[in-house]
């Protein structure tokens, strides 16, 4: 009986695929913007440390790609280690 009394949502209330896709685009754009801002902040902090340590802006720019690649590898290693530890904790349950 309860199913018969339940009203169907009208078009304004229905969550459509288009609404979902628009929401996902907004979320992805926000995440990309935040990631870009974090990368820029990281680069600026590294540049400041480089210059404080006696390096020049031009030498930093030439070294940045290598430094960035090393940081990316380290983040991947950390993520891989965390994933293995999570898997171990799941398999011991």
Protein backbone atom coordinates (compact mmCIF):
# COMPACT_ATOMS: atom_id res chain seq x y z
CA UNK A 1 0.00 0.00 0.00
CA UNK A 2 2.80 2.43 0.83
CA UNK A 3 4.19 2.11 -2.70
CA UNK A 4 0.87 3.15 -4.21
CA UNK A 5 0.70 6.23 -2.01
CA UNK A 6 4.21 7.34 -2.81
CA UNK A 7 4.29 10.16 -5.32
CA UNK A 8 6.64 10.12 -8.25
CA UNK A 9 9.03 13.04 -8.38
CA UNK A 10 8.20 15.66 -10.96
CA UNK A 11 10.74 16.81 -13.55
CA UNK A 12 12.05 19.56 -11.26
CA UNK A 13 12.70 17.10 -8.45
CA UNK A 14 14.21 14.32 -10.55
CA UNK A 15 17.98 14.07 -10.54
CA UNK A 16 18.85 13.79 -14.20
CA UNK A 17 21.93 12.45 -15.90
CA UNK A 18 22.55 15.95 -17.25
CA UNK A 19 22.47 17.37 -13.73
CA UNK A 20 24.85 14.67 -12.56
CA UNK A 21 27.26 15.32 -15.42
CA UNK A 22 27.16 19.06 -14.74
CA UNK A 23 27.85 18.41 -11.06
CA UNK A 24 30.77 16.08 -11.87
CA UNK A 25 32.25 18.70 -14.24
CA UNK A 26 32.04 21.33 -11.50
CA UNK A 27 33.68 19.01 -8.97
CA UNK A 28 36.45 18.01 -11.41
CA UNK A 29 37.13 21.64 -12.34
CA UNK A 30 37.32 22.58 -8.67
CA UNK A 31 39.70 19.67 -7.94
CA UNK A 32 41.89 20.58 -10.93
CA UNK A 33 42.03 24.21 -9.81
CA UNK A 34 42.98 23.19 -6.26
CA UNK A 35 45.66 20.81 -7.56
CA UNK A 36 47.05 23.53 -9.83
CA UNK A 37 47.13 25.99 -6.90
CA UNK A 38 48.92 23.40 -4.72
CA UNK A 39 51.52 22.79 -7.45
CA UNK A 40 52.07 26.52 -7.85
CA UNK A 41 52.40 27.00 -4.08
CA UNK A 42 54.86 24.09 -3.91
CA UNK A 43 56.91 25.57 -6.73
CA UNK A 44 56.95 29.01 -5.09
CA UNK A 45 58.01 27.53 -1.73
CA UNK A 46 60.78 25.55 -3.45
CA UNK A 47 61.89 28.67 -5.35
CA UNK A 48 62.04 30.69 -2.12
CA UNK A 49 64.09 27.98 -0.40
CA UNK A 50 66.39 27.72 -3.46
CA UNK A 51 67.05 31.47 -3.51
CA UNK A 52 67.45 31.64 0.28
CA UNK A 53 70.09 28.94 -0.05
CA UNK A 54 72.02 31.10 -2.52
CA UNK A 55 70.64 29.89 -5.83
CA UNK A 56 69.41 32.12 -8.61
CA UNK A 57 65.97 32.26 -10.17
CA UNK A 58 67.32 31.10 -13.52
CA UNK A 59 69.15 28.13 -12.00
CA UNK A 60 65.97 27.19 -10.13
CA UNK A 61 63.92 27.26 -13.32
CA UNK A 62 66.38 24.97 -15.06
CA UNK A 63 66.38 22.56 -12.08
CA UNK A 64 62.64 22.67 -11.42
CA UNK A 65 61.62 19.92 -13.84
CA UNK A 66 64.02 17.48 -12.19
CA UNK A 67 62.93 18.51 -8.69
CA UNK A 68 59.25 18.23 -9.63
CA UNK A 69 59.77 14.76 -11.14
CA UNK A 70 61.57 13.61 -7.98
CA UNK A 71 58.72 14.89 -5.80
CA UNK A 72 56.16 13.13 -8.01
CA UNK A 73 58.08 9.84 -7.72
CA UNK A 74 58.21 10.23 -3.94
CA UNK A 75 54.44 10.85 -3.76
CA UNK A 76 53.85 7.73 -5.87
CA UNK A 77 56.10 5.67 -3.60
CA UNK A 78 54.23 6.92 -0.54
CA UNK A 79 50.85 6.18 -2.14
CA UNK A 80 52.01 2.71 -3.13
CA UNK A 81 53.26 1.99 0.38
CA UNK A 82 49.98 3.21 1.87
CA UNK A 83 47.99 1.04 -0.55
CA UNK A 84 50.05 -2.05 0.32
CA UNK A 85 49.58 -1.39 4.04
CA UNK A 86 45.83 -0.97 3.56
CA UNK A 87 45.69 -4.21 1.57
CA UNK A 88 47.58 -6.04 4.30
CA UNK A 89 45.22 -4.76 6.97
CA UNK A 90 42.23 -5.91 4.93
CA UNK A 91 43.68 -9.35 4.27
CA UNK A 92 44.40 -9.98 7.97
CA UNK A 93 40.80 -9.40 9.01
